[in-house]
N, C-alpha and C. Protein backbone atom coordinates (compact mmCIF):
# COMPACT_ATOMS: atom_id res chain seq x y z
N MET A 1 15.21 4.37 -4.16
CA MET A 1 13.97 4.82 -3.96
C MET A 1 13.47 5.65 -5.27
N LYS A 2 14.50 6.50 -5.97
CA LYS A 2 14.18 7.16 -7.15
C LYS A 2 13.92 6.19 -8.32
N LYS A 3 14.74 5.20 -8.37
CA LYS A 3 14.51 4.13 -9.44
C LYS A 3 13.17 3.49 -9.43
N PHE A 4 12.65 3.29 -7.99
CA PHE A 4 11.39 2.66 -7.73
C PHE A 4 10.22 3.60 -8.26
N ILE A 5 10.44 4.78 -8.00
CA ILE A 5 9.31 5.72 -8.28
C ILE A 5 9.27 5.91 -9.84
N ILE A 6 10.45 6.08 -10.62
CA ILE A 6 10.44 5.96 -11.93
C ILE A 6 9.88 4.86 -12.59
N LEU A 7 10.27 3.70 -11.97
CA LEU A 7 9.63 2.35 -12.52
C LEU A 7 8.18 2.47 -12.26
N LEU A 8 7.64 2.95 -11.24
CA LEU A 8 6.23 2.92 -10.99
C LEU A 8 5.59 3.79 -12.06
N VAL A 9 6.12 5.07 -12.07
CA VAL A 9 5.44 6.03 -13.15
C VAL A 9 5.29 5.46 -14.40
N VAL A 10 6.52 4.90 -14.98
CA VAL A 10 6.50 4.36 -16.32
C VAL A 10 5.47 3.12 -16.49
N THR A 11 5.37 2.23 -15.43
CA THR A 11 4.46 1.06 -15.48
C THR A 11 3.10 1.61 -15.29
N LEU A 12 2.74 2.78 -14.54
CA LEU A 12 1.45 3.09 -14.70
C LEU A 12 0.89 3.81 -15.88
N LEU A 13 1.89 4.55 -16.58
CA LEU A 13 1.55 5.04 -17.86
C LEU A 13 1.42 3.93 -18.84
N PHE A 14 2.18 2.90 -18.79
CA PHE A 14 2.11 1.95 -19.94
C PHE A 14 0.51 1.35 -19.75
N PHE A 15 0.26 0.94 -18.49
CA PHE A 15 -0.99 0.43 -18.17
C PHE A 15 -2.27 1.33 -18.22
N LEU A 16 -2.14 2.33 -18.11
CA LEU A 16 -3.19 3.52 -18.27
C LEU A 16 -3.55 3.49 -19.88
N ILE A 17 -2.33 3.48 -20.67
CA ILE A 17 -2.55 3.48 -22.15
C ILE A 17 -3.31 1.92 -22.51
N MET A 18 -2.83 0.95 -21.93
CA MET A 18 -3.18 -0.43 -22.13
C MET A 18 -4.86 -0.33 -21.69
N ALA A 19 -5.23 0.30 -20.87
CA ALA A 19 -6.64 0.28 -20.35
C ALA A 19 -7.54 0.71 -21.53
N VAL A 20 -7.10 1.29 -22.48
CA VAL A 20 -7.90 1.63 -23.63
C VAL A 20 -8.11 0.54 -24.39
N VAL A 21 -7.40 -0.36 -24.52
CA VAL A 21 -7.35 -1.71 -25.40
C VAL A 21 -7.91 -2.83 -24.68
N ALA A 22 -7.35 -2.90 -23.38
CA ALA A 22 -7.90 -4.22 -22.53
C ALA A 22 -9.00 -3.66 -21.49
N LYS A 23 -9.83 -4.72 -21.15
CA LYS A 23 -10.89 -4.25 -20.07
C LYS A 23 -10.25 -3.90 -18.83
N ALA A 24 -10.56 -3.03 -18.14
CA ALA A 24 -9.96 -2.39 -16.85
C ALA A 24 -10.99 -2.03 -16.12
N GLU A 25 -10.72 -2.18 -14.70
CA GLU A 25 -11.72 -1.82 -13.69
C GLU A 25 -10.98 -1.25 -12.41
N PHE A 26 -11.64 -0.30 -11.88
CA PHE A 26 -11.03 0.45 -10.63
C PHE A 26 -11.39 -0.25 -9.43
N PHE A 27 -10.50 -0.46 -8.49
CA PHE A 27 -10.99 -0.93 -7.35
C PHE A 27 -10.31 -0.11 -5.98
N GLY A 28 -11.03 -0.42 -4.93
CA GLY A 28 -10.37 0.28 -3.68
C GLY A 28 -11.09 -0.21 -2.46
N SER A 29 -10.55 0.34 -1.35
CA SER A 29 -11.09 -0.03 0.02
C SER A 29 -10.51 0.83 1.08
N GLY A 30 -11.44 1.16 1.98
CA GLY A 30 -11.04 2.04 3.15
C GLY A 30 -11.37 1.08 4.32
N GLU A 31 -10.64 1.56 5.58
CA GLU A 31 -10.82 0.80 6.66
C GLU A 31 -10.37 1.81 7.78
N PHE A 32 -10.98 1.63 9.19
CA PHE A 32 -10.74 2.48 10.16
C PHE A 32 -10.92 1.44 11.23
N GLY A 33 -9.88 1.38 12.25
CA GLY A 33 -10.06 0.35 13.31
C GLY A 33 -9.15 0.75 14.53
N TYR A 34 -9.10 -0.25 15.46
CA TYR A 34 -8.29 -0.18 16.67
C TYR A 34 -7.34 -1.20 16.75
N CYS A 35 -6.07 -1.01 17.01
CA CYS A 35 -4.80 -1.89 17.03
C CYS A 35 -4.84 -2.19 18.51
N LEU A 36 -5.06 -3.53 18.95
CA LEU A 36 -5.00 -3.91 20.26
C LEU A 36 -3.71 -3.95 20.92
N GLU A 37 -2.70 -4.37 20.10
CA GLU A 37 -1.22 -4.29 20.81
C GLU A 37 -0.75 -3.00 21.15
N GLY A 38 -1.08 -1.88 20.23
CA GLY A 38 -0.47 -0.65 20.51
C GLY A 38 -1.42 0.25 21.24
N GLU A 39 -2.75 -0.12 21.45
CA GLU A 39 -3.80 0.46 21.81
C GLU A 39 -4.08 1.93 21.22
N ASP A 40 -3.98 1.76 19.87
CA ASP A 40 -3.84 3.17 19.07
C ASP A 40 -5.03 2.86 18.03
N TYR A 41 -5.29 3.75 17.13
CA TYR A 41 -6.18 3.66 16.01
C TYR A 41 -5.57 3.79 14.58
N TYR A 42 -6.02 3.14 13.64
CA TYR A 42 -5.41 3.31 12.30
C TYR A 42 -6.53 3.67 11.27
N ALA A 43 -6.12 4.26 10.25
CA ALA A 43 -7.00 4.52 9.25
C ALA A 43 -6.05 3.90 7.77
N GLU A 44 -6.90 3.29 6.92
CA GLU A 44 -6.21 2.86 5.88
C GLU A 44 -6.89 2.96 4.46
N LEU A 45 -6.26 3.27 3.39
CA LEU A 45 -6.96 3.36 2.18
C LEU A 45 -6.27 2.74 1.04
N GLU A 46 -6.96 1.79 0.12
CA GLU A 46 -5.99 1.22 -0.86
C GLU A 46 -6.82 1.42 -2.15
N ILE A 47 -6.22 1.84 -3.29
CA ILE A 47 -6.80 1.92 -4.56
C ILE A 47 -5.96 1.33 -5.72
N GLY A 48 -6.57 1.01 -6.71
CA GLY A 48 -5.87 0.27 -7.87
C GLY A 48 -6.51 0.00 -9.03
N TYR A 49 -5.92 -0.46 -10.16
CA TYR A 49 -6.69 -0.90 -11.35
C TYR A 49 -6.43 -2.31 -11.44
N ARG A 50 -7.45 -2.85 -12.16
CA ARG A 50 -7.57 -4.31 -12.38
C ARG A 50 -7.73 -4.44 -14.05
N PHE A 51 -6.74 -5.00 -14.59
CA PHE A 51 -6.71 -5.09 -16.04
C PHE A 51 -7.10 -6.72 -16.58
N HIS A 52 -7.53 -6.90 -17.69
CA HIS A 52 -7.78 -8.30 -18.06
C HIS A 52 -7.37 -8.32 -19.57
N PRO A 53 -6.11 -8.36 -19.77
CA PRO A 53 -5.67 -8.51 -21.18
C PRO A 53 -5.53 -9.98 -21.45
N GLY A 54 -6.54 -10.65 -22.04
CA GLY A 54 -6.76 -11.89 -22.40
C GLY A 54 -6.92 -12.72 -21.32
N PRO A 55 -6.16 -13.94 -21.20
CA PRO A 55 -6.53 -14.82 -20.01
C PRO A 55 -5.69 -14.34 -18.87
N LEU A 56 -4.95 -13.29 -18.72
CA LEU A 56 -4.24 -12.75 -17.65
C LEU A 56 -5.12 -11.81 -16.94
N GLU A 57 -4.76 -11.65 -15.68
CA GLU A 57 -5.42 -10.59 -15.07
C GLU A 57 -4.23 -9.87 -14.24
N LEU A 58 -4.22 -8.50 -14.25
CA LEU A 58 -3.10 -7.69 -13.61
C LEU A 58 -3.70 -6.64 -12.80
N GLU A 59 -3.17 -6.70 -11.63
CA GLU A 59 -3.55 -5.50 -10.63
C GLU A 59 -2.40 -4.79 -10.39
N LEU A 60 -2.76 -3.35 -10.45
CA LEU A 60 -1.67 -2.31 -9.92
C LEU A 60 -2.39 -1.63 -8.66
N TYR A 61 -1.71 -1.55 -7.55
CA TYR A 61 -2.40 -0.77 -6.48
C TYR A 61 -1.57 0.00 -5.68
N ALA A 62 -1.95 0.87 -4.93
CA ALA A 62 -1.11 1.47 -4.00
C ALA A 62 -2.12 1.81 -2.84
N GLY A 63 -1.21 1.89 -1.43
CA GLY A 63 -2.31 2.22 -0.45
C GLY A 63 -1.25 3.01 0.52
N ALA A 64 -2.08 3.43 1.67
CA ALA A 64 -1.49 4.26 2.74
C ALA A 64 -2.38 3.70 4.05
N ALA A 65 -1.55 3.62 5.08
CA ALA A 65 -2.22 3.34 6.46
C ALA A 65 -1.58 4.58 7.51
N TYR A 66 -2.34 5.02 8.35
CA TYR A 66 -1.81 5.92 9.40
C TYR A 66 -2.15 5.53 10.80
N MET A 67 -1.12 5.23 11.69
CA MET A 67 -1.37 4.97 13.01
C MET A 67 -1.51 6.19 13.74
N MET A 68 -2.71 6.33 14.61
CA MET A 68 -2.83 7.52 15.33
C MET A 68 -3.16 7.08 16.91
N LEU A 69 -2.81 8.13 17.65
CA LEU A 69 -3.04 7.99 19.22
C LEU A 69 -4.31 8.39 19.57
N HIS A 70 -4.63 7.91 20.74
CA HIS A 70 -5.92 8.25 21.37
C HIS A 70 -5.65 8.89 22.85
N GLY A 71 -6.57 9.50 23.42
CA GLY A 71 -6.47 10.04 24.78
C GLY A 71 -6.14 11.52 24.67
N ASP A 72 -5.14 12.14 25.18
CA ASP A 72 -4.97 13.56 25.22
C ASP A 72 -4.82 14.26 23.75
N VAL A 73 -4.07 13.40 22.81
CA VAL A 73 -3.75 13.86 21.49
C VAL A 73 -4.68 12.84 20.53
N PHE A 74 -5.94 12.96 20.78
CA PHE A 74 -6.74 11.96 19.94
C PHE A 74 -6.64 12.19 18.59
N PHE A 75 -6.38 11.16 17.82
CA PHE A 75 -6.24 10.95 16.40
C PHE A 75 -5.14 11.88 15.84
N SER A 76 -4.01 11.93 16.54
CA SER A 76 -2.83 12.49 16.05
C SER A 76 -2.03 11.37 15.54
N PRO A 77 -1.54 11.54 14.20
CA PRO A 77 -0.82 10.48 13.58
C PRO A 77 0.50 10.48 13.90
N TYR A 78 1.19 9.32 14.02
CA TYR A 78 2.46 9.28 14.42
C TYR A 78 3.40 8.20 13.53
N ARG A 79 2.68 7.54 12.74
CA ARG A 79 3.36 6.39 11.83
C ARG A 79 2.50 6.52 10.58
N GLY A 80 3.29 6.47 9.44
CA GLY A 80 2.55 6.25 8.05
C GLY A 80 3.24 5.03 7.34
N LEU A 81 2.33 4.11 6.90
CA LEU A 81 2.79 2.91 6.26
C LEU A 81 2.13 2.93 4.72
N TYR A 82 3.18 2.88 3.90
CA TYR A 82 2.88 3.03 2.49
C TYR A 82 3.17 1.77 1.66
N LYS A 83 2.32 1.55 0.66
CA LYS A 83 2.80 0.23 -0.14
C LYS A 83 2.32 0.59 -1.60
N ALA A 84 2.99 0.05 -2.53
CA ALA A 84 2.63 -0.09 -3.85
C ALA A 84 3.08 -1.54 -4.51
N GLY A 85 2.18 -1.95 -5.44
CA GLY A 85 2.69 -3.31 -5.87
C GLY A 85 1.59 -3.60 -7.00
N SER A 86 2.05 -4.77 -7.54
CA SER A 86 1.46 -5.40 -8.72
C SER A 86 1.07 -6.84 -8.60
N THR A 87 0.01 -7.44 -9.04
CA THR A 87 -0.08 -8.87 -9.10
C THR A 87 -0.56 -9.31 -10.24
N LEU A 88 -0.05 -10.35 -10.73
CA LEU A 88 -0.24 -10.99 -12.14
C LEU A 88 -0.88 -12.30 -11.93
N ARG A 89 -2.07 -12.44 -12.38
CA ARG A 89 -2.75 -13.71 -12.25
C ARG A 89 -2.94 -14.50 -13.55
N PHE A 90 -2.84 -15.83 -13.45
CA PHE A 90 -3.08 -16.84 -14.69
C PHE A 90 -3.82 -17.90 -14.05
N GLY A 91 -5.12 -17.92 -14.27
CA GLY A 91 -5.92 -18.88 -13.68
C GLY A 91 -5.94 -18.88 -12.08
N HIS A 92 -5.39 -19.76 -11.42
CA HIS A 92 -5.35 -20.03 -9.85
C HIS A 92 -4.00 -19.52 -9.34
N VAL A 93 -3.02 -19.14 -10.45
CA VAL A 93 -1.70 -19.07 -9.89
C VAL A 93 -1.42 -17.67 -10.18
N TYR A 94 -0.55 -17.03 -9.15
CA TYR A 94 -0.26 -15.42 -9.14
C TYR A 94 1.05 -15.17 -8.76
N LEU A 95 1.74 -14.06 -9.23
CA LEU A 95 2.96 -13.50 -8.88
C LEU A 95 2.78 -12.05 -8.39
N ASN A 96 3.22 -11.95 -7.08
CA ASN A 96 2.90 -10.60 -6.62
C ASN A 96 4.38 -9.87 -6.11
N ILE A 97 4.43 -8.67 -6.59
CA ILE A 97 5.48 -7.80 -6.09
C ILE A 97 5.01 -6.61 -5.32
N GLU A 98 5.50 -6.43 -4.17
CA GLU A 98 5.01 -5.24 -3.38
C GLU A 98 6.09 -4.74 -2.52
N HIS A 99 6.03 -3.28 -2.54
CA HIS A 99 6.98 -2.53 -1.95
C HIS A 99 6.18 -1.78 -0.69
N ILE A 100 6.98 -1.99 0.28
CA ILE A 100 6.39 -1.26 1.77
C ILE A 100 7.28 -0.34 2.48
N CYS A 101 6.80 0.78 2.67
CA CYS A 101 7.64 1.83 3.56
C CYS A 101 6.85 2.00 4.77
N VAL A 102 7.75 2.37 5.82
CA VAL A 102 7.18 2.74 7.10
C VAL A 102 7.94 3.94 7.60
N HIS A 103 7.29 5.19 7.68
CA HIS A 103 7.89 6.57 8.08
C HIS A 103 7.22 7.01 9.26
N ALA A 104 8.02 7.73 10.00
CA ALA A 104 7.56 8.38 11.22
C ALA A 104 6.70 9.80 10.51
N ILE A 105 5.79 10.24 11.37
CA ILE A 105 4.97 11.34 11.01
C ILE A 105 5.40 12.33 12.30
N HIS A 106 5.85 13.60 12.03
CA HIS A 106 6.07 14.24 13.13
C HIS A 106 5.11 15.30 13.60
N SER A 107 4.12 14.88 14.43
CA SER A 107 3.18 15.67 14.89
C SER A 107 3.76 16.73 15.91
N SER A 108 4.76 16.09 16.62
CA SER A 108 5.51 17.00 17.61
C SER A 108 6.79 16.06 17.98
N ASP A 109 7.84 16.57 18.50
CA ASP A 109 8.96 15.85 18.98
C ASP A 109 8.49 14.81 20.12
N GLU A 110 7.62 15.48 20.91
CA GLU A 110 7.47 14.62 22.11
C GLU A 110 6.59 13.49 21.76
N ILE A 111 5.54 13.43 20.69
CA ILE A 111 4.90 12.30 20.21
C ILE A 111 5.85 11.35 19.48
N PHE A 112 6.73 12.02 18.70
CA PHE A 112 7.85 11.23 17.98
C PHE A 112 8.54 10.44 18.98
N ASP A 113 9.24 10.87 19.99
CA ASP A 113 9.98 10.26 20.78
C ASP A 113 9.28 9.26 21.66
N LYS A 114 8.08 9.50 22.06
CA LYS A 114 7.41 8.72 22.89
C LYS A 114 6.83 7.43 22.22
N TYR A 115 6.26 7.74 21.08
CA TYR A 115 5.49 6.43 20.41
C TYR A 115 6.13 5.79 19.18
N PHE A 116 7.15 6.67 18.47
CA PHE A 116 7.63 5.92 17.39
C PHE A 116 9.17 5.49 17.65
N VAL A 117 9.35 4.14 18.01
CA VAL A 117 10.59 3.75 18.39
C VAL A 117 11.32 2.93 17.10
N ASP A 118 10.54 2.64 16.16
CA ASP A 118 11.09 1.88 15.09
C ASP A 118 11.69 2.84 14.00
N PRO A 119 12.84 2.53 13.57
CA PRO A 119 13.43 3.38 12.62
C PRO A 119 12.59 3.22 11.06
N ASP A 120 12.84 4.33 10.27
CA ASP A 120 12.25 4.18 8.95
C ASP A 120 12.69 2.94 8.33
N HIS A 121 11.97 2.11 7.49
CA HIS A 121 12.52 1.18 6.81
C HIS A 121 11.55 0.78 5.70
N ASP A 122 12.17 0.16 4.72
CA ASP A 122 11.47 -0.32 3.54
C ASP A 122 11.70 -1.88 3.35
N ARG A 123 10.58 -2.38 2.78
CA ARG A 123 10.60 -3.71 2.13
C ARG A 123 10.08 -4.02 1.01
N THR A 124 10.65 -4.90 0.27
CA THR A 124 10.03 -5.26 -1.09
C THR A 124 10.08 -6.84 -1.01
N ARG A 125 8.82 -7.23 -1.34
CA ARG A 125 8.39 -8.65 -1.31
C ARG A 125 8.24 -9.17 -2.85
N ILE A 126 8.61 -10.28 -3.07
CA ILE A 126 8.25 -10.82 -4.41
C ILE A 126 7.75 -12.31 -3.99
N GLY A 127 6.48 -12.76 -4.46
CA GLY A 127 5.84 -14.09 -3.98
C GLY A 127 5.08 -14.69 -5.19
N ILE A 128 5.00 -15.88 -5.01
CA ILE A 128 4.31 -16.75 -5.96
C ILE A 128 3.14 -17.52 -5.27
N GLY A 129 2.01 -17.41 -5.61
CA GLY A 129 0.83 -18.05 -4.86
C GLY A 129 -0.12 -18.85 -5.61
N PHE A 130 -1.01 -19.38 -4.92
CA PHE A 130 -2.13 -20.16 -5.52
C PHE A 130 -3.20 -19.92 -4.88
N GLU A 131 -4.40 -19.39 -5.67
CA GLU A 131 -5.61 -19.28 -5.04
C GLU A 131 -6.63 -20.26 -5.11
N PHE A 132 -7.44 -20.64 -4.28
CA PHE A 132 -8.38 -21.76 -4.48
C PHE A 132 -9.73 -21.27 -3.84
């Protein structure tokens, strides 16, 4: 995890400097909703930079989502989902690298034991895609 954070910081610094030279734009989104399977609520936020160095397009982004209970402990978060990644596009083809972490949020031991049954885990995805 330390290597990932160091790599992310170095990459962000490199592309912040590059933003002075290349066209860059900030993007983001926010969402609040209801999860049908778990009968709980979630709030999600994602932010990033989109660079246009020549014919390429590069996106660096990070986000967080929180699962929350309803009922007696309304909007009490019990799970955090975090992601960071980058997407490199050339025309309609893209390469995506994304790291996703899921961690428990300890609002109280009772909430943790009752609602968070999955262990903490990390996933890193690498994919090649085509947009049309």
